[in-house]
Every structure is written in structure tokens, then in C-alpha cells.
Amino acid sequence: MTALTGLLYGALIVYVGGWLAGQWTANFALLLLLLTSVTGLYWLAERFHFKPVREKAANTLLASDAQRRESLAAQGIQRVDGDIEGARQAILRQPWWLDWTAGLFPVILMVFLLRSFLVEPFKIPSGSMVPTLLVGDLILVNKFHYGIRLPVINKKIISNHEVQRGDVMVFRFPEDPSVDYIKRVAAIPGDEVSYLNQRLYINGQPVPVESKPDYYDEDSMVYRQHFAETFGDKTHDVLVNPQRSSVFHPDRRDGPFPFQDNCKYSFEGVTCKVPAGYYYMLGDNRDNSRDSRYWGFVPDENIVGKAFFVWMNFGNLKRIGSFH
């Protein structure tokens, strides 16, 4: 077992090292599932085999010592040298390969359950959601808000809340499901959504907006037009760059996106009819976001969860808190 455990740890180091070095893309959910399964097997083996064997050997040692002392006492020898407690503790001690597998199982299992079914941490990698979310924000994603899904395969087994317009959602990028993206839900199944001349329309009606003081974009070091946009009773901030063109073209890297015929592109912008089981996503930094206007709809099976809280930004602690 020592050699097998060493081989498994070696494979893990190579896999994680290649991931960090950019040699391949890792599936962290699958890795966590495998770690939970392997350490769980070691834990079961320890609980029902290795630990009982060690305890039996320790009890045998105690019984042998007691028999030896009894035999010597029968010969009139009352004082017997030798303390076997140290030997007994050595027998009961877990070997390193069990300590670093079975011993880690409870912690890994807790992380696996929390990340798979409750909350998952996520780091904002780009400025597409400015000003709502900034680069470097560390956020929490509610994994059960839209329903309980099986880890790795992401199959929904229990439904919960429906996706609402205005939700900030983390999802698997349709072009590359190994990558998680974060955008705002602009339209839900059955909606006709239009982004024309830098204005958003849902089912033919303009989404209400209210002007706010210009926003200073620290990444580009320029001021942007700043608006409060309202979906129902939810209001959030968006940025618009009037110097950018309203002409969009589908540029899905793996070819035409599913239901691309539902979209019409023009010099004014784009209009799409959202099919059943799909969602239309936009970044709050409207002219600095590659989103559904370019790569199409997000299928329901790609949903990861609803983003709801910034738990840390090491460059700006004032960022900590909930957001809309």
C-alpha cells in the first residue's frame, strides 16, 4: 500500500503541476470527486480492516505481557522490568500513507459537499461586469438556488427557484464548458430580446434606465457613461461607451451557435428570440463584454449557480458585501 499511495500522490502532483503550468485544463470538480472517492476507500479500509488488525496486534501484545508477568509471579518474582506501553502505541500508530489519505477524507468530503451543493468560490477574471463586479473580486455562488445538480455531470435532480431577469449567474461557457463565465441574465425562455443603439429591449419594451454620474473605469483610465438599469424590482448599474459601434456579428469559435437563426443582426444591433431551455446573457460593462450577442444562448444544463456576495478583494476591502 505504501508504493500504491506514493504512486497516487505522484500522479496528483503531476496533474496539479501541469494544470498550474498551463499544460492542460483541469476539471476541478472531477478532481475533487476523485479525491473524495479515493480517500473514502482508504477511510473504509482503515475503519474496517487496518485499524482492527492493529488493535488485535496490540491486544495480543498486552495479553502476552500479562501472561509473562503472571508466570513470573508464580515463581515468586513480583518485580518485572520492561514497559510495553511504548511498543503498544507504536503498533496502534497510523502509517503515513493512511494518515495522508484516510485522515484527510473528512475534510475533503466536507469541501466536496459544500462546493457541490451549497456555495462555490469564484474569482472575477475580467472587467465585463464592471461596475457591479471588479477584477479581483472573490465572490460566492449559491449552488442550490436554481436547483440541486449532480457534481461533474451537472444534471439537475431537484428544482428550486426559476432563473429571473437581472440575476447574476455563473455558468459553463458554451464554447468551452471547462471554463466558468459570469454575466447577467437579460432574457429568459420565450423572451424577445433586443440590444439596439446601446439600449436594451425586452419583448418590444425598453428596459428602464436612469442616468448616473460618469463612472471612472480604472482599467482603461477613462470615464464611462453610467446608468441604473431596472428589471422588475431589481436595479443594477451598467456602463456604456457611446464611441463603440452598435454592429455585432456572431463569432462563436466552434461554428454557428444553437438557434442562431433566432437572431437578426443589423446596423442598429441584434434581436433574438430566446428558445426554451436557454438564456440570454449580457455583461454590465456593455461595450467591454463578449456575451450572448456574440456567442449565443446559454443552455440550462450549463448553469452553475447564482452569484450573490463578494467575500474578499485584497486590493479593496470595501468591496466586501452583497450585490445585485
C-alpha atoms as a PDB file:
ATOM      1  CA  MET A   1       0.000   0.000   0.000  1.00  0.00           C
ATOM      2  CA  THR A   2       2.927   2.348   0.592  1.00  0.00           C
ATOM      3  CA  ALA A   3       4.007   2.066  -3.051  1.00  0.00           C
ATOM      4  CA  LEU A   4       0.421   2.473  -4.332  1.00  0.00           C
ATOM      5  CA  THR A   5      -0.159   5.559  -2.196  1.00  0.00           C
ATOM      6  CA  GLY A   6       3.128   7.069  -3.331  1.00  0.00           C
ATOM      7  CA  LEU A   7       2.136   6.428  -6.959  1.00  0.00           C
ATOM      8  CA  LEU A   8      -1.238   8.119  -6.445  1.00  0.00           C
ATOM      9  CA  TYR A   9       0.372  11.157  -4.822  1.00  0.00           C
ATOM     10  CA  GLY A  10       2.885  11.330  -7.654  1.00  0.00           C
ATOM     11  CA  ALA A  11       0.071  11.324 -10.234  1.00  0.00           C
ATOM     12  CA  LEU A  12      -1.722  14.064  -8.294  1.00  0.00           C
ATOM     13  CA  ILE A  13       1.409  16.236  -8.172  1.00  0.00           C
ATOM     14  CA  VAL A  14       1.964  15.823 -11.929  1.00  0.00           C
ATOM     15  CA  TYR A  15      -1.679  16.629 -12.698  1.00  0.00           C
ATOM     16  CA  VAL A  16      -1.827  19.741 -10.498  1.00  0.00           C
ATOM     17  CA  GLY A  17       1.641  20.849 -11.595  1.00  0.00           C
ATOM     18  CA  GLY A  18       0.680  20.608 -15.274  1.00  0.00           C
ATOM     19  CA  TRP A  19      -2.522  22.491 -14.528  1.00  0.00           C
ATOM     20  CA  LEU A  20      -0.701  25.345 -12.774  1.00  0.00           C
ATOM     21  CA  ALA A  21       1.927  25.436 -15.529  1.00  0.00           C
ATOM     22  CA  GLY A  22      -0.792  25.768 -18.156  1.00  0.00           C
ATOM     23  CA  GLN A  23      -0.007  22.468 -19.864  1.00  0.00           C
ATOM     24  CA  TRP A  24      -3.640  21.366 -19.707  1.00  0.00           C
ATOM     25  CA  THR A  25      -7.017  22.486 -18.390  1.00  0.00           C
ATOM     26  CA  ALA A  26      -8.060  20.744 -15.197  1.00  0.00           C
ATOM     27  CA  ASN A  27     -11.584  19.807 -14.182  1.00  0.00           C
ATOM     28  CA  PHE A  28     -11.546  20.756 -10.502  1.00  0.00           C
ATOM     29  CA  ALA A  29     -14.995  19.260  -9.819  1.00  0.00           C
ATOM     30  CA  LEU A  30     -13.863  15.908 -11.238  1.00  0.00           C
ATOM     31  CA  LEU A  31     -10.560  16.098  -9.341  1.00  0.00           C
ATOM     32  CA  LEU A  32     -12.397  16.775  -6.077  1.00  0.00           C
ATOM     33  CA  LEU A  33     -14.769  13.854  -6.740  1.00  0.00           C
ATOM     34  CA  LEU A  34     -11.821  11.519  -7.371  1.00  0.00           C
ATOM     35  CA  LEU A  35     -10.016  12.715  -4.235  1.00  0.00           C
ATOM     36  CA  THR A  36     -13.166  12.181  -2.180  1.00  0.00           C
ATOM     37  CA  SER A  37     -13.663   8.688  -3.616  1.00  0.00           C
ATOM     38  CA  VAL A  38     -10.050   7.550  -3.183  1.00  0.00           C
ATOM     39  CA  THR A  39      -9.644   8.919   0.352  1.00  0.00           C
ATOM     40  CA  GLY A  40     -13.073   7.466   1.177  1.00  0.00           C
ATOM     41  CA  LEU A  41     -11.886   3.984   0.141  1.00  0.00           C
ATOM     42  CA  TYR A  42      -8.801   4.389   2.326  1.00  0.00           C
ATOM     43  CA  TRP A  43     -11.016   5.561   5.214  1.00  0.00           C
ATOM     44  CA  LEU A  44     -13.236   2.488   4.872  1.00  0.00           C
ATOM     45  CA  ALA A  45     -10.189   0.217   4.680  1.00  0.00           C
ATOM     46  CA  GLU A  46      -8.766   1.857   7.796  1.00  0.00           C
ATOM     47  CA  ARG A  47     -12.066   1.707   9.677  1.00  0.00           C
ATOM     48  CA  PHE A  48     -12.897  -1.932   8.929  1.00  0.00           C
ATOM     49  CA  HIS A  49      -9.528  -3.599   8.265  1.00  0.00           C
ATOM     50  CA  PHE A  50      -6.271  -1.858   9.118  1.00  0.00           C
ATOM     51  CA  LYS A  51      -7.336  -0.376  12.477  1.00  0.00           C
ATOM     52  CA  PRO A  52      -8.871  -3.666  13.758  1.00  0.00           C
ATOM     53  CA  VAL A  53      -5.670  -5.514  12.715  1.00  0.00           C
ATOM     54  CA  ARG A  54      -3.502  -3.047  14.658  1.00  0.00           C
ATOM     55  CA  GLU A  55      -5.810  -3.207  17.680  1.00  0.00           C
ATOM     56  CA  LYS A  56      -5.708  -7.026  17.607  1.00  0.00           C
ATOM     57  CA  ALA A  57      -1.910  -6.977  17.490  1.00  0.00           C
ATOM     58  CA  ALA A  58      -1.776  -4.509  20.393  1.00  0.00           C
ATOM     59  CA  ASN A  59      -4.172  -6.635  22.452  1.00  0.00           C
ATOM     60  CA  THR A  60      -2.099  -9.734  21.678  1.00  0.00           C
ATOM     61  CA  LEU A  61       0.980  -7.909  22.940  1.00  0.00           C
ATOM     62  CA  LEU A  62      -0.831  -6.939  26.170  1.00  0.00           C
ATOM     63  CA  ALA A  63      -2.087 -10.475  26.688  1.00  0.00           C
ATOM     64  CA  SER A  64       1.383 -11.906  26.110  1.00  0.00           C
ATOM     65  CA  ASP A  65       2.912  -9.463  28.602  1.00  0.00           C
ATOM     66  CA  ALA A  66       0.226 -10.206  31.163  1.00  0.00           C
ATOM     67  CA  GLN A  67       0.831 -13.958  30.757  1.00  0.00           C
ATOM     68  CA  ARG A  68       4.588 -13.445  31.156  1.00  0.00           C
ATOM     69  CA  ARG A  69       4.102 -11.415  34.336  1.00  0.00           C
ATOM     70  CA  GLU A  70       1.677 -13.990  35.725  1.00  0.00           C
ATOM     71  CA  SER A  71       4.181 -16.781  35.052  1.00  0.00           C
ATOM     72  CA  LEU A  72       6.969 -14.883  36.776  1.00  0.00           C
ATOM     73  CA  ALA A  73       4.718 -14.074  39.713  1.00  0.00           C
ATOM     74  CA  ALA A  74       4.026 -17.797  40.143  1.00  0.00           C
ATOM     75  CA  GLN A  75       7.778 -18.249  40.507  1.00  0.00           C
ATOM     76  CA  GLY A  76       7.871 -15.629  43.231  1.00  0.00           C
ATOM     77  CA  ILE A  77       9.147 -12.823  41.046  1.00  0.00           C
ATOM     78  CA  GLN A  78       6.987  -9.790  41.753  1.00  0.00           C
ATOM     79  CA  ARG A  79       9.068  -7.052  40.178  1.00  0.00           C
ATOM     80  CA  VAL A  80       9.336  -7.329  36.411  1.00  0.00           C
ATOM     81  CA  ASP A  81      11.318  -4.903  34.301  1.00  0.00           C
ATOM     82  CA  GLY A  82      10.025  -3.641  30.964  1.00  0.00           C
ATOM     83  CA  ASP A  83       7.211  -1.292  29.929  1.00  0.00           C
ATOM     84  CA  ILE A  84       5.389  -2.316  26.748  1.00  0.00           C
ATOM     85  CA  GLU A  85       3.229   0.844  26.507  1.00  0.00           C
ATOM     86  CA  GLY A  86       5.629   2.408  24.025  1.00  0.00           C
ATOM     87  CA  ALA A  87       5.526  -0.721  21.857  1.00  0.00           C
ATOM     88  CA  ARG A  88       1.727  -0.783  22.082  1.00  0.00           C
ATOM     89  CA  GLN A  89       1.458   2.849  20.928  1.00  0.00           C
ATOM     90  CA  ALA A  90       3.830   2.114  18.037  1.00  0.00           C
ATOM     91  CA  ILE A  91       1.613  -0.751  16.897  1.00  0.00           C
ATOM     92  CA  LEU A  92      -1.545   1.399  17.073  1.00  0.00           C
ATOM     93  CA  ARG A  93       0.005   4.370  15.245  1.00  0.00           C
ATOM     94  CA  GLN A  94      -1.310   5.000  11.706  1.00  0.00           C
ATOM     95  CA  PRO A  95       1.311   4.627   8.961  1.00  0.00           C
ATOM     96  CA  TRP A  96       1.913   7.792   6.903  1.00  0.00           C
ATOM     97  CA  TRP A  97       0.028   6.508   3.867  1.00  0.00           C
ATOM     98  CA  LEU A  98      -3.142   6.143   5.927  1.00  0.00           C
ATOM     99  CA  ASP A  99      -2.650   9.408   7.780  1.00  0.00           C
ATOM    100  CA  TRP A 100      -2.400  11.280   4.441  1.00  0.00           C
ATOM    101  CA  THR A 101      -5.377   9.527   2.861  1.00  0.00           C
ATOM    102  CA  ALA A 102      -7.944   8.243   5.340  1.00  0.00           C
ATOM    103  CA  GLY A 103      -7.034  11.056   7.719  1.00  0.00           C
ATOM    104  CA  LEU A 104      -7.867  13.686   5.078  1.00  0.00           C
ATOM    105  CA  PHE A 105     -11.163  12.126   3.998  1.00  0.00           C
ATOM    106  CA  PRO A 106     -13.479  14.041   6.399  1.00  0.00           C
ATOM    107  CA  VAL A 107     -12.007  17.405   5.331  1.00  0.00           C
ATOM    108  CA  ILE A 108     -12.105  16.594   1.610  1.00  0.00           C
ATOM    109  CA  LEU A 109     -15.649  15.249   1.923  1.00  0.00           C
ATOM    110  CA  MET A 110     -16.803  18.458   3.628  1.00  0.00           C
ATOM    111  CA  VAL A 111     -15.205  20.607   0.906  1.00  0.00           C
ATOM    112  CA  PHE A 112     -16.750  18.419  -1.800  1.00  0.00           C
ATOM    113  CA  LEU A 113     -20.266  18.675  -0.319  1.00  0.00           C
ATOM    114  CA  LEU A 114     -20.024  22.428   0.324  1.00  0.00           C
ATOM    115  CA  ARG A 115     -18.670  23.199  -3.143  1.00  0.00           C
ATOM    116  CA  SER A 116     -21.002  20.828  -4.989  1.00  0.00           C
ATOM    117  CA  PHE A 117     -24.305  21.599  -3.293  1.00  0.00           C
ATOM    118  CA  LEU A 118     -24.078  24.797  -1.223  1.00  0.00           C
ATOM    119  CA  VAL A 119     -21.606  27.525  -2.246  1.00  0.00           C
ATOM    120  CA  GLU A 120     -18.636  27.749  -4.572  1.00  0.00           C
ATOM    121  CA  PRO A 121     -15.968  30.478  -4.606  1.00  0.00           C
ATOM    122  CA  PHE A 122     -15.267  32.273  -7.876  1.00  0.00           C
ATOM    123  CA  LYS A 123     -12.755  34.941  -8.861  1.00  0.00           C
ATOM    124  CA  ILE A 124     -13.727  37.716 -11.277  1.00  0.00           C
ATOM    125  CA  PRO A 125     -11.160  37.466 -14.106  1.00  0.00           C
ATOM    126  CA  SER A 126     -12.190  40.357 -16.383  1.00  0.00           C
ATOM    127  CA  GLY A 127     -13.918  43.724 -16.459  1.00  0.00           C
ATOM    128  CA  SER A 128     -17.052  42.599 -18.304  1.00  0.00           C
ATOM    129  CA  MET A 129     -19.220  43.028 -15.178  1.00  0.00           C
ATOM    130  CA  VAL A 130     -17.875  46.452 -14.118  1.00  0.00           C
ATOM    131  CA  PRO A 131     -19.202  48.367 -12.190  1.00  0.00           C
ATOM    132  CA  THR A 132     -21.127  45.600 -10.390  1.00  0.00           C
ATOM    133  CA  LEU A 133     -18.090  43.339 -10.074  1.00  0.00           C
ATOM    134  CA  LEU A 134     -14.443  44.339 -10.396  1.00  0.00           C
ATOM    135  CA  VAL A 135     -11.393  42.374 -11.462  1.00  0.00           C
ATOM    136  CA  GLY A 136     -10.051  40.637  -8.361  1.00  0.00           C
ATOM    137  CA  ASP A 137     -13.390  40.349  -6.550  1.00  0.00           C
ATOM    138  CA  LEU A 138     -13.707  36.974  -4.838  1.00  0.00           C
ATOM    139  CA  ILE A 139     -17.365  36.044  -4.841  1.00  0.00           C
ATOM    140  CA  LEU A 140     -19.630  33.279  -3.580  1.00  0.00           C
ATOM    141  CA  VAL A 141     -22.012  31.402  -5.851  1.00  0.00           C
ATOM    142  CA  ASN A 142     -25.200  29.827  -4.485  1.00  0.00           C
ATOM    143  CA  LYS A 143     -25.199  26.305  -5.961  1.00  0.00           C
ATOM    144  CA  PHE A 144     -28.724  25.317  -4.898  1.00  0.00           C
ATOM    145  CA  HIS A 145     -30.668  28.495  -5.770  1.00  0.00           C
ATOM    146  CA  TYR A 146     -31.690  27.170  -9.188  1.00  0.00           C
ATOM    147  CA  GLY A 147     -31.888  23.550  -8.046  1.00  0.00           C
ATOM    148  CA  ILE A 148     -29.684  20.692  -6.870  1.00  0.00           C
ATOM    149  CA  ARG A 149     -27.370  19.306  -9.560  1.00  0.00           C
ATOM    150  CA  LEU A 150     -25.142  16.263  -9.552  1.00  0.00           C
ATOM    151  CA  PRO A 151     -21.458  17.228  -9.471  1.00  0.00           C
ATOM    152  CA  VAL A 152     -19.298  16.855 -12.604  1.00  0.00           C
ATOM    153  CA  ILE A 153     -22.199  15.954 -14.968  1.00  0.00           C
ATOM    154  CA  ASN A 154     -24.240  18.979 -13.745  1.00  0.00           C
ATOM    155  CA  LYS A 155     -27.546  17.077 -14.080  1.00  0.00           C
ATOM    156  CA  LYS A 156     -30.402  18.767 -12.214  1.00  0.00           C
ATOM    157  CA  ILE A 157     -32.159  16.344  -9.870  1.00  0.00           C
ATOM    158  CA  ILE A 158     -34.177  18.761  -7.698  1.00  0.00           C
ATOM    159  CA  SER A 159     -35.688  22.029  -8.936  1.00  0.00           C
ATOM    160  CA  ASN A 160     -35.711  25.211  -6.884  1.00  0.00           C
ATOM    161  CA  HIS A 161     -36.094  28.854  -7.973  1.00  0.00           C
ATOM    162  CA  GLU A 162     -36.587  29.791 -11.606  1.00  0.00           C
ATOM    163  CA  VAL A 163     -33.993  31.961 -13.310  1.00  0.00           C
ATOM    164  CA  GLN A 164     -35.075  35.612 -13.247  1.00  0.00           C
ATOM    165  CA  ARG A 165     -34.132  38.503 -15.491  1.00  0.00           C
ATOM    166  CA  GLY A 166     -31.439  40.518 -13.745  1.00  0.00           C
ATOM    167  CA  ASP A 167     -29.859  37.581 -11.894  1.00  0.00           C
ATOM    168  CA  VAL A 168     -26.065  37.479 -11.908  1.00  0.00           C
ATOM    169  CA  MET A 169     -25.312  33.919 -12.983  1.00  0.00           C
ATOM    170  CA  VAL A 170     -22.203  31.773 -13.197  1.00  0.00           C
ATOM    171  CA  PHE A 171     -22.368  29.222 -15.997  1.00  0.00           C
ATOM    172  CA  ARG A 172     -20.226  26.937 -18.069  1.00  0.00           C
ATOM    173  CA  PHE A 173     -19.072  28.803 -21.149  1.00  0.00           C
ATOM    174  CA  PRO A 174     -20.906  27.298 -24.164  1.00  0.00           C
ATOM    175  CA  GLU A 175     -17.762  27.448 -26.328  1.00  0.00           C
ATOM    176  CA  ASP A 176     -15.653  25.685 -23.686  1.00  0.00           C
ATOM    177  CA  PRO A 177     -17.611  24.054 -20.814  1.00  0.00           C
ATOM    178  CA  SER A 178     -14.399  23.620 -18.810  1.00  0.00           C
ATOM    179  CA  VAL A 179     -14.403  27.414 -18.265  1.00  0.00           C
ATOM    180  CA  ASP A 180     -16.836  29.216 -15.957  1.00  0.00           C
ATOM    181  CA  TYR A 181     -18.259  32.581 -17.032  1.00  0.00           C
ATOM    182  CA  ILE A 182     -20.267  35.189 -15.146  1.00  0.00           C
ATOM    183  CA  LYS A 183     -22.836  37.506 -16.743  1.00  0.00           C
ATOM    184  CA  ARG A 184     -26.272  38.980 -16.028  1.00  0.00           C
ATOM    185  CA  VAL A 185     -29.425  37.262 -17.233  1.00  0.00           C
ATOM    186  CA  ALA A 186     -31.012  39.666 -19.734  1.00  0.00           C
ATOM    187  CA  ALA A 187     -33.737  37.406 -21.118  1.00  0.00           C
ATOM    188  CA  ILE A 188     -35.370  34.089 -20.248  1.00  0.00           C
ATOM    189  CA  PRO A 189     -37.016  31.424 -22.456  1.00  0.00           C
ATOM    190  CA  GLY A 190     -39.747  32.868 -24.670  1.00  0.00           C
ATOM    191  CA  ASP A 191     -38.478  36.462 -24.474  1.00  0.00           C
ATOM    192  CA  GLU A 192     -37.640  38.562 -27.492  1.00  0.00           C
ATOM    193  CA  VAL A 193     -34.536  40.489 -26.516  1.00  0.00           C
ATOM    194  CA  SER A 194     -33.020  43.350 -28.483  1.00  0.00           C
ATOM    195  CA  TYR A 195     -29.899  45.397 -27.990  1.00  0.00           C
ATOM    196  CA  LEU A 196     -30.309  48.310 -30.389  1.00  0.00           C
ATOM    197  CA  ASN A 197     -28.328  51.536 -30.430  1.00  0.00           C
ATOM    198  CA  GLN A 198     -26.919  50.671 -26.991  1.00  0.00           C
ATOM    199  CA  ARG A 199     -30.386  50.257 -25.438  1.00  0.00           C
ATOM    200  CA  LEU A 200     -31.856  47.009 -24.153  1.00  0.00           C
ATOM    201  CA  TYR A 201     -35.420  45.968 -25.042  1.00  0.00           C
ATOM    202  CA  ILE A 202     -37.397  43.023 -23.699  1.00  0.00           C
ATOM    203  CA  ASN A 203     -40.470  41.930 -25.667  1.00  0.00           C
ATOM    204  CA  GLY A 204     -40.501  45.232 -27.516  1.00  0.00           C
ATOM    205  CA  GLN A 205     -40.351  47.376 -24.369  1.00  0.00           C
ATOM    206  CA  PRO A 206     -37.234  49.359 -23.400  1.00  0.00           C
ATOM    207  CA  VAL A 207     -35.728  48.327 -20.090  1.00  0.00           C
ATOM    208  CA  PRO A 208     -35.974  51.374 -17.775  1.00  0.00           C
ATOM    209  CA  VAL A 209     -32.701  53.228 -17.253  1.00  0.00           C
ATOM    210  CA  GLU A 210     -31.731  56.270 -15.222  1.00  0.00           C
ATOM    211  CA  SER A 211     -28.624  58.386 -15.811  1.00  0.00           C
ATOM    212  CA  LYS A 212     -25.980  58.496 -13.088  1.00  0.00           C
ATOM    213  CA  PRO A 213     -22.725  60.454 -12.776  1.00  0.00           C
ATOM    214  CA  ASP A 214     -19.993  59.212 -15.094  1.00  0.00           C
ATOM    215  CA  TYR A 215     -18.034  56.246 -13.802  1.00  0.00           C
ATOM    216  CA  TYR A 216     -14.232  56.290 -13.795  1.00  0.00           C
ATOM    217  CA  ASP A 217     -13.031  52.990 -15.237  1.00  0.00           C
ATOM    218  CA  GLU A 218      -9.693  52.336 -13.545  1.00  0.00           C
ATOM    219  CA  ASP A 219      -8.712  49.615 -16.033  1.00  0.00           C
ATOM    220  CA  SER A 220      -8.914  51.882 -19.075  1.00  0.00           C
ATOM    221  CA  MET A 221      -8.440  55.114 -17.066  1.00  0.00           C
ATOM    222  CA  VAL A 222     -11.363  56.864 -18.758  1.00  0.00           C
ATOM    223  CA  TYR A 223     -14.838  57.964 -17.688  1.00  0.00           C
ATOM    224  CA  ARG A 224     -17.812  55.912 -18.911  1.00  0.00           C
ATOM    225  CA  GLN A 225     -21.472  56.790 -19.222  1.00  0.00           C
ATOM    226  CA  HIS A 226     -23.156  55.307 -16.186  1.00  0.00           C
ATOM    227  CA  PHE A 227     -26.791  54.178 -15.895  1.00  0.00           C
ATOM    228  CA  ALA A 228     -29.040  52.427 -13.395  1.00  0.00           C
ATOM    229  CA  GLU A 229     -30.957  49.705 -15.237  1.00  0.00           C
ATOM    230  CA  THR A 230     -34.075  48.079 -13.751  1.00  0.00           C
ATOM    231  CA  PHE A 231     -35.502  44.588 -14.262  1.00  0.00           C
ATOM    232  CA  GLY A 232     -38.784  44.407 -12.342  1.00  0.00           C
ATOM    233  CA  ASP A 233     -37.888  45.436  -8.784  1.00  0.00           C
ATOM    234  CA  LYS A 234     -34.133  44.872  -9.244  1.00  0.00           C
ATOM    235  CA  THR A 235     -31.845  47.770 -10.150  1.00  0.00           C
ATOM    236  CA  HIS A 236     -28.209  47.459 -11.139  1.00  0.00           C
ATOM    237  CA  ASP A 237     -25.531  49.648 -12.716  1.00  0.00           C
ATOM    238  CA  VAL A 238     -24.358  49.431 -16.326  1.00  0.00           C
ATOM    239  CA  LEU A 239     -21.690  51.237 -18.336  1.00  0.00           C
ATOM    240  CA  VAL A 240     -21.979  52.355 -21.969  1.00  0.00           C
ATOM    241  CA  ASN A 241     -19.341  53.663 -24.333  1.00  0.00           C
ATOM    242  CA  PRO A 242     -21.038  55.862 -26.978  1.00  0.00           C
ATOM    243  CA  GLN A 243     -17.889  55.691 -29.110  1.00  0.00           C
ATOM    244  CA  ARG A 244     -18.342  51.961 -29.697  1.00  0.00           C
ATOM    245  CA  SER A 245     -20.234  50.647 -32.702  1.00  0.00           C
ATOM    246  CA  SER A 246     -23.653  49.000 -32.274  1.00  0.00           C
ATOM    247  CA  VAL A 247     -22.865  46.496 -35.029  1.00  0.00           C
ATOM    248  CA  PHE A 248     -22.480  42.931 -33.744  1.00  0.00           C
ATOM    249  CA  HIS A 249     -21.600  39.743 -35.544  1.00  0.00           C
ATOM    250  CA  PRO A 250     -21.810  36.185 -34.241  1.00  0.00           C
ATOM    251  CA  ASP A 251     -18.260  34.937 -33.697  1.00  0.00           C
ATOM    252  CA  ARG A 252     -18.738  31.586 -31.986  1.00  0.00           C
ATOM    253  CA  ARG A 253     -15.365  29.859 -32.376  1.00  0.00           C
ATOM    254  CA  ASP A 254     -16.840  26.385 -32.889  1.00  0.00           C
ATOM    255  CA  GLY A 255     -19.262  27.497 -35.611  1.00  0.00           C
ATOM    256  CA  PRO A 256     -22.845  28.812 -35.654  1.00  0.00           C
ATOM    257  CA  PHE A 257     -24.366  28.693 -32.172  1.00  0.00           C
ATOM    258  CA  PRO A 258     -27.530  26.661 -31.489  1.00  0.00           C
ATOM    259  CA  PHE A 259     -30.675  28.531 -32.625  1.00  0.00           C
ATOM    260  CA  GLN A 260     -28.609  31.218 -34.327  1.00  0.00           C
ATOM    261  CA  ASP A 261     -31.489  31.553 -36.811  1.00  0.00           C
ATOM    262  CA  ASN A 262     -33.485  33.031 -33.906  1.00  0.00           C
ATOM    263  CA  CYS A 263     -31.263  36.127 -34.082  1.00  0.00           C
ATOM    264  CA  LYS A 264     -31.254  39.014 -36.550  1.00  0.00           C
ATOM    265  CA  TYR A 265     -28.195  41.245 -36.800  1.00  0.00           C
ATOM    266  CA  SER A 266     -28.331  44.756 -38.249  1.00  0.00           C
ATOM    267  CA  PHE A 267     -26.512  48.090 -38.165  1.00  0.00           C
ATOM    268  CA  GLU A 268     -28.601  49.010 -35.115  1.00  0.00           C
ATOM    269  CA  GLY A 269     -27.695  45.916 -33.124  1.00  0.00           C
ATOM    270  CA  VAL A 270     -29.184  42.466 -32.598  1.00  0.00           C
ATOM    271  CA  THR A 271     -32.621  40.976 -31.846  1.00  0.00           C
ATOM    272  CA  CYS A 272     -33.104  37.382 -30.673  1.00  0.00           C
ATOM    273  CA  LYS A 273     -35.965  35.107 -29.689  1.00  0.00           C
ATOM    274  CA  VAL A 274     -34.803  33.056 -26.705  1.00  0.00           C
ATOM    275  CA  PRO A 275     -35.608  29.349 -27.198  1.00  0.00           C
ATOM    276  CA  ALA A 276     -36.959  27.058 -24.484  1.00  0.00           C
ATOM    277  CA  GLY A 277     -34.297  25.897 -22.052  1.00  0.00           C
ATOM    278  CA  TYR A 278     -31.890  28.732 -22.893  1.00  0.00           C
ATOM    279  CA  TYR A 279     -30.960  32.167 -21.507  1.00  0.00           C
ATOM    280  CA  TYR A 280     -29.548  35.379 -22.978  1.00  0.00           C
ATOM    281  CA  MET A 281     -26.618  36.815 -21.034  1.00  0.00           C
ATOM    282  CA  LEU A 282     -25.075  40.305 -21.063  1.00  0.00           C
ATOM    283  CA  GLY A 283     -22.193  41.915 -19.207  1.00  0.00           C
ATOM    284  CA  ASP A 284     -22.895  45.099 -17.228  1.00  0.00           C
ATOM    285  CA  ASN A 285     -19.921  46.723 -18.954  1.00  0.00           C
ATOM    286  CA  ARG A 286     -21.940  46.587 -22.164  1.00  0.00           C
ATOM    287  CA  ASP A 287     -19.249  47.665 -24.603  1.00  0.00           C
ATOM    288  CA  ASN A 288     -16.497  45.635 -22.991  1.00  0.00           C
ATOM    289  CA  SER A 289     -18.178  42.262 -22.765  1.00  0.00           C
ATOM    290  CA  ARG A 290     -18.141  39.269 -25.085  1.00  0.00           C
ATOM    291  CA  ASP A 291     -21.518  37.737 -24.311  1.00  0.00           C
ATOM    292  CA  SER A 292     -24.661  36.289 -25.899  1.00  0.00           C
ATOM    293  CA  ARG A 293     -24.579  38.980 -28.580  1.00  0.00           C
ATOM    294  CA  TYR A 294     -21.538  37.174 -29.959  1.00  0.00           C
ATOM    295  CA  TRP A 295     -21.661  33.508 -28.920  1.00  0.00           C
ATOM    296  CA  GLY A 296     -25.368  32.902 -28.403  1.00  0.00           C
ATOM    297  CA  PHE A 297     -27.608  31.401 -25.759  1.00  0.00           C
ATOM    298  CA  VAL A 298     -26.680  29.590 -22.540  1.00  0.00           C
ATOM    299  CA  PRO A 299     -28.429  26.210 -22.085  1.00  0.00           C
ATOM    300  CA  ASP A 300     -29.993  25.366 -18.740  1.00  0.00           C
ATOM    301  CA  GLU A 301     -27.619  22.422 -18.239  1.00  0.00           C
ATOM    302  CA  ASN A 302     -24.677  24.857 -18.184  1.00  0.00           C
ATOM    303  CA  ILE A 303     -25.920  26.740 -15.105  1.00  0.00           C
ATOM    304  CA  VAL A 304     -23.524  26.642 -12.151  1.00  0.00           C
ATOM    305  CA  GLY A 305     -25.351  28.936  -9.715  1.00  0.00           C
ATOM    306  CA  LYS A 306     -26.400  32.433  -8.695  1.00  0.00           C
ATOM    307  CA  ALA A 307     -23.654  34.863  -7.638  1.00  0.00           C
ATOM    308  CA  PHE A 308     -24.627  36.885  -4.568  1.00  0.00           C
ATOM    309  CA  PHE A 309     -21.735  38.029  -2.356  1.00  0.00           C
ATOM    310  CA  VAL A 310     -18.215  39.479  -2.572  1.00  0.00           C
ATOM    311  CA  TRP A 311     -16.353  37.865   0.308  1.00  0.00           C
ATOM    312  CA  MET A 312     -12.942  39.420  -0.394  1.00  0.00           C
ATOM    313  CA  ASN A 313     -10.989  41.788  -2.605  1.00  0.00           C
ATOM    314  CA  PHE A 314      -7.434  42.059  -1.361  1.00  0.00           C
ATOM    315  CA  GLY A 315      -6.954  45.376  -3.127  1.00  0.00           C
ATOM    316  CA  ASN A 316     -10.136  46.986  -1.786  1.00  0.00           C
ATOM    317  CA  LEU A 317     -11.737  45.649   1.394  1.00  0.00           C
ATOM    318  CA  LYS A 318     -14.710  47.992   0.897  1.00  0.00           C
ATOM    319  CA  ARG A 319     -15.838  45.666  -1.895  1.00  0.00           C
ATOM    320  CA  ILE A 320     -16.947  43.036   0.643  1.00  0.00           C
ATOM    321  CA  GLY A 321     -20.726  42.657   0.694  1.00  0.00           C
ATOM    322  CA  SER A 322     -23.765  41.582  -1.315  1.00  0.00           C
ATOM    323  CA  PHE A 323     -24.615  42.925  -4.751  1.00  0.00           C
ATOM    324  CA  HIS A 324     -27.454  42.974  -7.288  1.00  0.00           C
END
